Each structure stands twice: as structure tokens, then as C-alpha cells.
């Protein structure tokens, strides 16, 4: 597997033409990365066209920013996107077709994009690539698989993809200006949270594997130690109803805010005192990176790719096992030690600024793309 960006001598492409495809209709971490990457590519002067679903959150947000968007119909989105990708390749060509998720990879494969350009696919999950021959064929057609962490890269190799065709290319987050007390107070009022409350937060789609149930189960112990503690669960998803029912059963419903989907998620981070990240096998955790960028002290379960980005007792607290009592212990420790919170938050922000700022990740992305293009030229016998 290719070295991590921090160990690579970056050689930044002067100019690249890229078709960036993402066919998801909902907004999750991968779509946030798509928007950030295309924004930075265009800001650097590269020719980047986004292929996205018409009416989807990503296409709407990208268009609102003035980005070049080739919108395709949601019905039969993969076939529609395949036609769009073929059309772009015929009209103007491209150096790279980048598939940001599996539907986009299928579309690029159907368009035979790998015969006309370097085909790169992002991989953000650590479960095995499907055993169906068609699923493997799509990934084997790609010149490179960009895995967002070493944890994910290892799972790709275990699925049968050659290690030489897997690279660890991390993702990033916006770095907000340090929040003022006025901004913090205003954000807390939006969530009906008083200055005397201690507000923990978690941002993410509500799914069993994301571990939000652990937070709800940890709240009785947290509230017993600190009755002024509250939890803001920002996000929606299929287990929201069961989480609300559980909070009632445990007698902590009044201590938890279920926000649903939040359009302006910065209003969540600005309000918080600390961030809890209970995901069971998280490949990376873009909401975790965002919290660290905000300078928030974090406590995260030491599973998946999380230990690659959180250094225990330096840039956050690592919870050794996904158990409510362990999460409660870390939360109470943060709650009771202001000096610890300030130190962890400051170190976290510095680490994210160095490794995960938009400029840092686009440099790494472009360097990895150059590696792919050079390898492809060499394989095809094309001089640079």
C-alpha cells in the first residue's frame, strides 16, 4: 500500500481535468468530502466537474456555491450517470474519473471510463468488498483505491485487491475561526441550553454501528455525577425512535436533545463543551475531525481508524471498549477537569490543522492522483 500522505514527498499537479462522481442523495461524511474536494480543486484552477443526482443535497449545495455540476436524474441514476460520464469523456476528455462511492463506481465502470482515463475510487467503509464477481470487477477496473485510513486499506487488501493498487489518502474538514463567547452563547440558546449546563454532543447518522445507543445508556451515570450534564444528538436515522424510547426508559429524556438533521451543523459544534464519538468500527470519522478542528475536547471509542487520528491523553481520550460505563467515565473526567479540556482541545485543533485542513488534504489528494497518472502512463507506454 502507498505511504500515508504525511510520509510522502508531495508532487503537486500543475493542472488536472477530473470528473468527480457522487450519486448519493442524502448528506453524509462522503458528500461533505466531495463538496470540499471539488471546491478546492476549482479554487486551485483545476477543471473539475461534479456528476451528482439532480435534486440531491450534494448537487444543490454545489450549485449554490457556483460549482460546475452535471446533474442526472435519480431514477436509474447509475445508467444516467454512465451516459453523462461517457458524454464528458467524448466531448472534452479527462485525466481522471473519480468515483466517490459505489454507485458512482458502477456508473464509471458502465461508461468504460477506465479505458479513457485513470479511474480512482474512494473507499470509506471497512467491510469486505462484495463476493459477487460484478462487485469485484468494478474495483479491479480501477487504477487505484483511495482508502481513508489504514484500517480501511487493510480491509480492501483482504478483499482481494492488490496492495499496490491501494493508497491511504485521508480526508479533511474546514478549520473554523476560534469561536467567541458571544457565538457560543448564541448557539447554546438555539438548543435551549443554559450557561450552567455542560453540553456534550455527537454528530452523525443514527445507526446501530454508530454507537449512539451507548451514549444514551451512559447518560444515567453521567447525570448522577453531574445533574447539569446534557447531550445533543445531532442527526437523523432509522434508530432515532428507539433511542428516544430508551432515553425515556432510563429516565434521561430531559437531558438529551434529539435535533434531527441539522442543515447548519456548525451551530452544533459552536454550542458544545465536549464531543463524544462512540462509533463501533469507524473508518475515519469526519464529524470527529470537525469537532477537533473546533478545538473541542473529544472522547472516542478506540476502534477502527480512530486511533490513527486520536492520541490518547494528547489530542483526546480513547475509550478502550464500546461500553456505556467506559464512555461515562471518560465523559465525567472531561466534565470535571477544565485544564484537561483546554489542553486536549488545543492539541486536537493543532493536529487537525496540520493533517486535515482543506489545503493539506487537497495537496495529498493531488499528489496521490499524480502517482496514479504516472503509473498509468508507464503501464500504457505513454511518455510524460
Protein backbone atom coordinates (compact mmCIF):
# COMPACT_ATOMS: atom_id res chain seq x y z
CA UNK A 1 0.00 0.00 0.00
CA UNK A 2 1.17 3.52 -0.75
CA UNK A 3 2.56 5.52 2.14
CA UNK A 4 0.40 7.87 4.13
CA UNK A 5 0.43 11.48 2.97
CA UNK A 6 2.47 12.67 5.94
CA UNK A 7 5.37 10.45 4.78
CA UNK A 8 5.10 11.20 1.07
CA UNK A 9 7.09 13.82 -0.82
CA UNK A 10 4.23 15.73 -2.37
CA UNK A 11 4.47 16.48 -6.08
CA UNK A 12 1.52 18.66 -6.88
CA UNK A 13 -0.05 18.54 -10.33
CA UNK A 14 0.01 21.83 -12.21
CA UNK A 15 -3.29 21.10 -13.92
CA UNK A 16 -5.76 18.23 -13.98
CA UNK A 17 -9.10 17.57 -15.63
CA UNK A 18 -11.26 15.46 -13.37
CA UNK A 19 -14.79 14.08 -13.46
CA UNK A 20 -15.85 13.69 -9.84
CA UNK A 21 -18.91 11.47 -9.46
CA UNK A 22 -21.09 11.00 -6.36
CA UNK A 23 -24.61 9.60 -6.73
CA UNK A 24 -25.79 9.60 -3.12
CA UNK A 25 -28.97 11.58 -2.45
CA UNK A 26 -28.56 12.02 1.31
CA UNK A 27 -25.90 14.05 3.07
CA UNK A 28 -23.23 12.17 4.99
CA UNK A 29 -19.50 12.44 5.50
CA UNK A 30 -18.60 11.33 1.99
CA UNK A 31 -20.75 14.03 0.42
CA UNK A 32 -19.12 16.64 2.64
CA UNK A 33 -15.75 15.46 1.35
CA UNK A 34 -16.98 15.63 -2.24
CA UNK A 35 -18.04 19.23 -1.81
CA UNK A 36 -14.78 20.18 -0.08
CA UNK A 37 -12.61 18.42 -2.69
CA UNK A 38 -14.35 19.85 -5.76
CA UNK A 39 -14.36 23.30 -4.16
CA UNK A 40 -10.61 23.14 -3.52
CA UNK A 41 -9.83 21.70 -6.96
CA UNK A 42 -11.70 24.53 -8.67
CA UNK A 43 -10.12 27.11 -6.36
CA UNK A 44 -6.69 25.79 -7.38
CA UNK A 45 -7.55 26.26 -11.04
CA UNK A 46 -8.15 22.62 -11.96
CA UNK A 47 -11.01 21.65 -14.28
CA UNK A 48 -13.33 19.64 -12.03
CA UNK A 49 -16.88 18.69 -12.98
CA UNK A 50 -19.19 17.14 -10.42
CA UNK A 51 -21.64 14.46 -11.56
CA UNK A 52 -24.38 14.22 -8.93
CA UNK A 53 -28.05 13.38 -8.59
CA UNK A 54 -30.46 16.12 -9.58
CA UNK A 55 -32.26 17.46 -6.51
CA UNK A 56 -29.89 15.70 -4.11
CA UNK A 57 -28.33 17.59 -1.22
CA UNK A 58 -24.85 17.48 -2.76
CA UNK A 59 -25.90 18.83 -6.15
CA UNK A 60 -27.95 21.60 -4.51
CA UNK A 61 -25.13 22.71 -2.25
CA UNK A 62 -22.54 22.54 -5.01
CA UNK A 63 -24.72 24.56 -7.40
CA UNK A 64 -25.37 27.13 -4.67
CA UNK A 65 -21.60 27.64 -4.43
CA UNK A 66 -21.34 28.17 -8.18
CA UNK A 67 -19.61 24.87 -8.89
CA UNK A 68 -19.86 23.10 -12.24
CA UNK A 69 -22.46 20.37 -11.70
CA UNK A 70 -23.69 17.80 -14.24
CA UNK A 71 -26.96 16.72 -12.62
CA UNK A 72 -28.51 13.36 -13.54
CA UNK A 73 -31.97 12.02 -12.86
CA UNK A 74 -32.46 10.00 -9.68
CA UNK A 75 -34.39 7.24 -11.47
CA UNK A 76 -31.81 4.81 -12.90
CA UNK A 77 -29.12 7.15 -11.59
CA UNK A 78 -26.24 4.79 -12.39
CA UNK A 79 -27.21 4.45 -16.05
CA UNK A 80 -27.88 8.17 -16.30
CA UNK A 81 -24.51 8.97 -14.76
CA UNK A 82 -22.78 6.46 -17.05
CA UNK A 83 -24.20 8.29 -20.08
CA UNK A 84 -23.12 11.64 -18.62
CA UNK A 85 -19.59 10.42 -17.94
CA UNK A 86 -19.32 8.98 -21.48
CA UNK A 87 -20.55 12.28 -22.88
CA UNK A 88 -17.97 14.32 -20.98
CA UNK A 89 -15.18 11.94 -21.99
CA UNK A 90 -16.19 12.19 -25.67
CA UNK A 91 -16.61 15.97 -25.60
CA UNK A 92 -13.56 17.06 -23.65
CA UNK A 93 -11.81 14.03 -22.24
CA UNK A 94 -10.45 13.86 -18.71
CA UNK A 95 -7.30 12.85 -16.92
CA UNK A 96 -9.16 11.22 -14.02
CA UNK A 97 -12.61 9.87 -13.31
CA UNK A 98 -13.06 9.81 -9.54
CA UNK A 99 -15.86 7.68 -8.10
CA UNK A 100 -16.63 8.91 -4.61
CA UNK A 101 -18.92 5.99 -3.66
CA UNK A 102 -20.01 2.58 -5.01
CA UNK A 103 -22.94 3.80 -7.17
CA UNK A 104 -20.60 6.23 -8.88
CA UNK A 105 -18.06 3.45 -9.40
CA UNK A 106 -20.72 1.32 -11.10
CA UNK A 107 -21.59 4.25 -13.36
CA UNK A 108 -17.94 4.84 -14.26
CA UNK A 109 -17.45 1.13 -14.93
CA UNK A 110 -20.55 1.01 -17.16
CA UNK A 111 -19.19 4.04 -19.02
CA UNK A 112 -15.89 2.16 -19.53
CA UNK A 113 -14.18 5.20 -18.06
CA UNK A 114 -11.11 3.12 -17.19
CA UNK A 115 -10.37 2.78 -20.91
CA UNK A 116 -10.22 6.54 -21.46
CA UNK A 117 -8.86 7.96 -18.19
CA UNK A 118 -7.37 6.99 -14.87
CA UNK A 119 -10.16 5.58 -12.72
CA UNK A 120 -9.92 6.14 -8.97
CA UNK A 121 -12.46 5.06 -6.36
CA UNK A 122 -12.79 6.22 -2.77
CA UNK A 123 -13.34 3.59 -0.10
CA UNK A 124 -14.77 4.74 3.24
CA UNK A 125 -16.02 1.51 4.77
CA UNK A 126 -14.12 -1.45 6.17
CA UNK A 127 -16.49 -4.30 5.40
CA UNK A 128 -15.38 -6.68 2.63
CA UNK A 129 -15.95 -5.82 -0.99
CA UNK A 130 -18.83 -8.00 -2.23
CA UNK A 131 -18.10 -11.56 -3.29
CA UNK A 132 -20.30 -11.22 -6.39
CA UNK A 133 -17.96 -11.17 -9.43
CA UNK A 134 -19.51 -7.95 -10.71
CA UNK A 135 -18.70 -6.12 -7.47
CA UNK A 136 -15.07 -7.20 -7.59
CA UNK A 137 -14.80 -6.41 -11.30
CA UNK A 138 -15.66 -2.75 -10.68
CA UNK A 139 -12.89 -2.35 -8.14
CA UNK A 140 -10.39 -4.29 -10.21
CA UNK A 141 -11.06 -1.94 -13.13
CA UNK A 142 -9.92 0.99 -11.01
CA UNK A 143 -6.33 2.15 -11.25
CA UNK A 144 -6.28 2.92 -7.55
CA UNK A 145 -8.47 2.64 -4.47
CA UNK A 146 -8.11 5.66 -2.18
CA UNK A 147 -8.80 4.39 1.34
CA UNK A 148 -9.48 6.99 4.01
CA UNK A 149 -7.46 5.20 6.70
CA UNK A 150 -5.01 2.36 7.13
CA UNK A 151 -7.84 0.42 8.77
CA UNK A 152 -9.89 0.66 5.58
CA UNK A 153 -6.91 -0.02 3.31
CA UNK A 154 -6.21 -3.31 5.07
CA UNK A 155 -9.81 -4.41 4.58
CA UNK A 156 -9.57 -3.66 0.85
CA UNK A 157 -6.45 -5.80 0.52
CA UNK A 158 -8.12 -8.61 2.46
CA UNK A 159 -10.93 -8.44 -0.12
CA UNK A 160 -8.51 -9.42 -2.85
CA UNK A 161 -7.39 -6.07 -4.28
CA UNK A 162 -3.65 -5.87 -4.86
CA UNK A 163 -1.86 -3.80 -2.21
CA UNK A 164 -0.01 -1.90 -4.95
CA UNK A 165 -3.35 -0.52 -6.12
CA UNK A 166 -4.44 0.71 -2.68
CA UNK A 167 -3.39 4.07 -1.24
CA UNK A 168 -4.19 5.72 2.07
CA UNK A 169 -5.45 9.21 1.24
CA UNK A 170 -7.06 10.85 4.22
CA UNK A 171 -9.90 13.35 4.26
CA UNK A 172 -10.30 16.75 5.78
CA UNK A 173 -12.51 19.32 7.38
CA UNK A 174 -12.97 23.05 7.35
CA UNK A 175 -10.98 24.84 10.04
CA UNK A 176 -13.30 27.39 11.69
CA UNK A 177 -12.10 30.56 13.30
CA UNK A 178 -11.87 30.26 17.09
CA UNK A 179 -15.37 30.74 18.44
CA UNK A 180 -16.14 33.77 20.55
CA UNK A 181 -18.11 33.67 23.78
CA UNK A 182 -20.93 35.52 22.02
CA UNK A 183 -21.08 32.83 19.30
CA UNK A 184 -21.04 30.08 21.89
CA UNK A 185 -23.83 31.68 23.91
CA UNK A 186 -25.99 32.26 20.83
CA UNK A 187 -25.54 28.67 19.68
CA UNK A 188 -26.44 27.32 23.11
CA UNK A 189 -29.61 29.40 23.21
CA UNK A 190 -30.65 27.80 19.92
CA UNK A 191 -30.64 24.43 21.70
CA UNK A 192 -32.30 25.76 24.88
CA UNK A 193 -29.11 25.16 26.80
CA UNK A 194 -28.17 27.46 29.68
CA UNK A 195 -24.68 28.68 30.53
CA UNK A 196 -24.65 26.46 33.61
CA UNK A 197 -25.31 23.29 31.59
CA UNK A 198 -22.43 21.12 30.42
CA UNK A 199 -23.26 20.16 26.85
CA UNK A 200 -21.85 17.01 25.31
CA UNK A 201 -22.50 16.43 21.62
CA UNK A 202 -22.39 13.79 18.90
CA UNK A 203 -22.99 14.40 15.19
CA UNK A 204 -23.86 11.60 12.80
CA UNK A 205 -26.44 9.45 11.08
CA UNK A 206 -28.35 7.45 13.68
CA UNK A 207 -27.42 3.82 13.01
CA UNK A 208 -26.63 0.87 15.30
CA UNK A 209 -22.98 0.76 14.21
CA UNK A 210 -22.54 4.44 15.03
CA UNK A 211 -22.97 3.63 18.71
CA UNK A 212 -25.38 6.37 19.78
CA UNK A 213 -27.19 3.83 21.96
CA UNK A 214 -24.04 3.65 24.11
CA UNK A 215 -24.29 7.39 24.75
CA UNK A 216 -27.92 7.15 25.82
CA UNK A 217 -27.06 4.26 28.13
CA UNK A 218 -24.13 6.22 29.56
CA UNK A 219 -26.27 9.25 30.42
CA UNK A 220 -27.70 7.96 33.77
CA UNK A 221 -24.18 7.60 35.18
CA UNK A 222 -23.08 10.94 33.71
CA UNK A 223 -26.12 12.74 35.12
CA UNK A 224 -25.65 11.09 38.52
CA UNK A 225 -22.18 12.64 38.66
CA UNK A 226 -23.28 15.95 37.14
CA UNK A 227 -27.02 16.74 37.08
CA UNK A 228 -26.34 19.72 34.79
CA UNK A 229 -24.98 17.47 32.01
CA UNK A 230 -26.86 17.34 28.71
CA UNK A 231 -26.34 15.53 25.42
CA UNK A 232 -27.08 16.88 21.94
CA UNK A 233 -27.54 14.11 19.37
CA UNK A 234 -27.40 15.85 16.00
CA UNK A 235 -28.60 13.75 13.09
CA UNK A 236 -31.44 11.56 11.96
CA UNK A 237 -31.71 7.93 11.02
CA UNK A 238 -33.58 4.66 11.44
CA UNK A 239 -32.87 4.18 15.15
CA UNK A 240 -34.00 7.62 16.31
CA UNK A 241 -37.31 6.31 17.63
CA UNK A 242 -35.70 3.51 19.60
CA UNK A 243 -33.13 5.92 21.07
CA UNK A 244 -35.87 8.28 22.23
CA UNK A 245 -37.79 5.36 23.77
CA UNK A 246 -34.63 4.17 25.54
CA UNK A 247 -33.98 7.63 26.95
CA UNK A 248 -37.49 7.63 28.43
CA UNK A 249 -36.99 4.18 29.94
CA UNK A 250 -33.71 5.27 31.54
CA UNK A 251 -35.18 8.50 32.86
CA UNK A 252 -32.80 10.79 30.96
CA UNK A 253 -35.06 12.10 28.19
CA UNK A 254 -34.98 15.64 29.54
CA UNK A 255 -31.17 15.57 29.42
CA UNK A 256 -30.98 14.68 25.70
CA UNK A 257 -31.73 16.85 22.68
CA UNK A 258 -32.64 14.91 19.54
CA UNK A 259 -32.15 17.54 16.86
CA UNK A 260 -32.85 15.54 13.70
CA UNK A 261 -30.96 16.54 10.57
CA UNK A 262 -29.15 19.86 11.04
CA UNK A 263 -28.58 21.92 7.90
CA UNK A 264 -26.06 24.27 9.55
CA UNK A 265 -24.06 21.81 11.61
CA UNK A 266 -21.62 24.48 12.78
CA UNK A 267 -24.37 25.63 15.11
CA UNK A 268 -23.94 22.31 16.90
CA UNK A 269 -20.17 22.43 17.30
CA UNK A 270 -20.27 26.07 18.41
CA UNK A 271 -22.56 25.18 21.31
CA UNK A 272 -20.67 22.23 22.76
CA UNK A 273 -18.37 21.82 25.74
CA UNK A 274 -17.11 18.37 24.68
CA UNK A 275 -17.64 15.83 21.90
CA UNK A 276 -18.35 12.12 22.29
CA UNK A 277 -17.70 9.67 19.47
CA UNK A 278 -19.00 6.16 20.23
CA UNK A 279 -18.80 4.56 16.77
CA UNK A 280 -18.08 0.83 16.93
CA UNK A 281 -15.79 0.41 13.89
CA UNK A 282 -15.38 3.88 12.43
CA UNK A 283 -13.21 4.03 9.28
CA UNK A 284 -12.23 7.66 9.97
CA UNK A 285 -14.94 9.90 11.45
CA UNK A 286 -15.38 13.24 9.69
CA UNK A 287 -17.57 14.58 12.50
CA UNK A 288 -14.80 13.68 14.94
CA UNK A 289 -12.29 15.61 12.82
CA UNK A 290 -14.68 18.56 12.68
CA UNK A 291 -15.05 18.58 16.47
CA UNK A 292 -11.27 18.53 16.85
CA UNK A 293 -10.97 21.39 14.35
CA UNK A 294 -13.34 23.38 16.55
CA UNK A 295 -10.94 22.86 19.45
CA UNK A 296 -13.36 20.66 21.36
CA UNK A 297 -12.08 18.00 23.77
CA UNK A 298 -13.13 14.60 22.43
CA UNK A 299 -13.63 11.13 23.84
CA UNK A 300 -13.81 8.39 21.21
CA UNK A 301 -14.02 4.61 21.18
CA UNK A 302 -10.62 3.16 20.22
CA UNK A 303 -11.88 1.11 17.29
CA UNK A 304 -11.41 1.18 13.54
CA UNK A 305 -9.40 4.09 12.22
CA UNK A 306 -9.95 6.33 15.25
CA UNK A 307 -6.59 5.56 16.95
CA UNK A 308 -4.86 6.69 13.76
CA UNK A 309 -6.11 10.22 14.46
CA UNK A 310 -6.66 10.49 18.21
CA UNK A 311 -3.66 10.13 20.51
CA UNK A 312 -4.87 9.16 23.98
CA UNK A 313 -4.50 11.92 26.58
CA UNK A 314 -2.91 14.19 23.97
CA UNK A 315 -5.46 15.02 21.28
CA UNK A 316 -8.38 13.33 23.00
CA UNK A 317 -9.38 10.48 25.28
CA UNK A 318 -9.60 6.98 23.84
CA UNK A 319 -12.31 4.80 25.34
CA UNK A 320 -10.85 1.25 25.41
CA UNK A 321 -14.09 -0.64 24.76
CA UNK A 322 -17.54 0.36 23.43
CA UNK A 323 -19.26 0.04 26.80
CA UNK A 324 -21.53 2.65 28.42
CA UNK A 325 -19.62 2.66 31.70
CA UNK A 326 -16.33 3.39 29.95
CA UNK A 327 -17.89 6.22 27.97
CA UNK A 328 -19.42 7.61 31.15
CA UNK A 329 -16.02 7.51 32.89
CA UNK A 330 -14.37 9.49 30.08
CA UNK A 331 -17.24 11.97 29.93
CA UNK A 332 -17.15 12.59 33.69
CA UNK A 333 -13.39 13.03 33.52
CA UNK A 334 -13.77 15.72 30.87
CA UNK A 335 -16.61 17.36 32.69
CA UNK A 336 -14.63 17.68 35.92
CA UNK A 337 -11.30 18.93 34.60
CA UNK A 338 -11.27 22.27 32.79
CA UNK A 339 -7.50 22.26 32.34
CA UNK A 340 -7.67 18.85 30.67
CA UNK A 341 -10.42 20.04 28.33
CA UNK A 342 -8.45 23.08 27.28
CA UNK A 343 -5.25 21.11 26.69
CA UNK A 344 -6.92 18.35 24.69
CA UNK A 345 -8.92 20.82 22.63
CA UNK A 346 -5.87 22.91 21.77
CA UNK A 347 -3.77 19.88 20.79
CA UNK A 348 -6.63 18.44 18.75
CA UNK A 349 -7.08 21.62 16.75
CA UNK A 350 -3.35 21.85 16.03
CA UNK A 351 -3.22 18.22 14.85
CA UNK A 352 -6.18 18.64 12.51
CA UNK A 353 -4.80 21.89 11.12
CA UNK A 354 -1.55 20.12 10.23
CA UNK A 355 -3.01 16.96 8.70
CA UNK A 356 -6.66 17.53 7.80
CA UNK A 357 -7.08 21.16 6.72
CA UNK A 358 -8.51 21.68 3.21
CA UNK A 359 -5.12 22.77 1.87
CA UNK A 360 -3.34 19.78 3.42
CA UNK A 361 -5.79 17.20 2.12
CA UNK A 362 -6.01 18.65 -1.39
CA UNK A 363 -2.21 18.59 -1.61
CA UNK A 364 -2.26 14.94 -0.57
CA UNK A 365 -5.12 14.16 -2.96
CA UNK A 366 -3.35 15.75 -5.93
CA UNK A 367 -0.06 14.07 -5.11
CA UNK A 368 -1.78 10.68 -4.97
CA UNK A 369 -3.53 11.45 -8.27
CA UNK A 370 -0.17 12.23 -9.88
CA UNK A 371 1.15 8.87 -8.68
CA UNK A 372 -1.82 7.17 -10.35
CA UNK A 373 -1.43 9.05 -13.62
CA UNK A 374 2.30 8.35 -13.79
CA UNK A 375 1.74 4.64 -13.15
CA UNK A 376 -0.95 4.54 -15.82
CA UNK A 377 1.30 6.25 -18.37
CA UNK A 378 4.06 3.80 -17.59
CA UNK A 379 1.73 0.80 -17.92
CA UNK A 380 0.42 2.05 -21.28
CA UNK A 381 3.85 3.04 -22.55
CA UNK A 382 2.95 6.74 -22.81
CA UNK A 383 5.74 9.29 -22.28
CA UNK A 384 5.04 12.09 -19.79
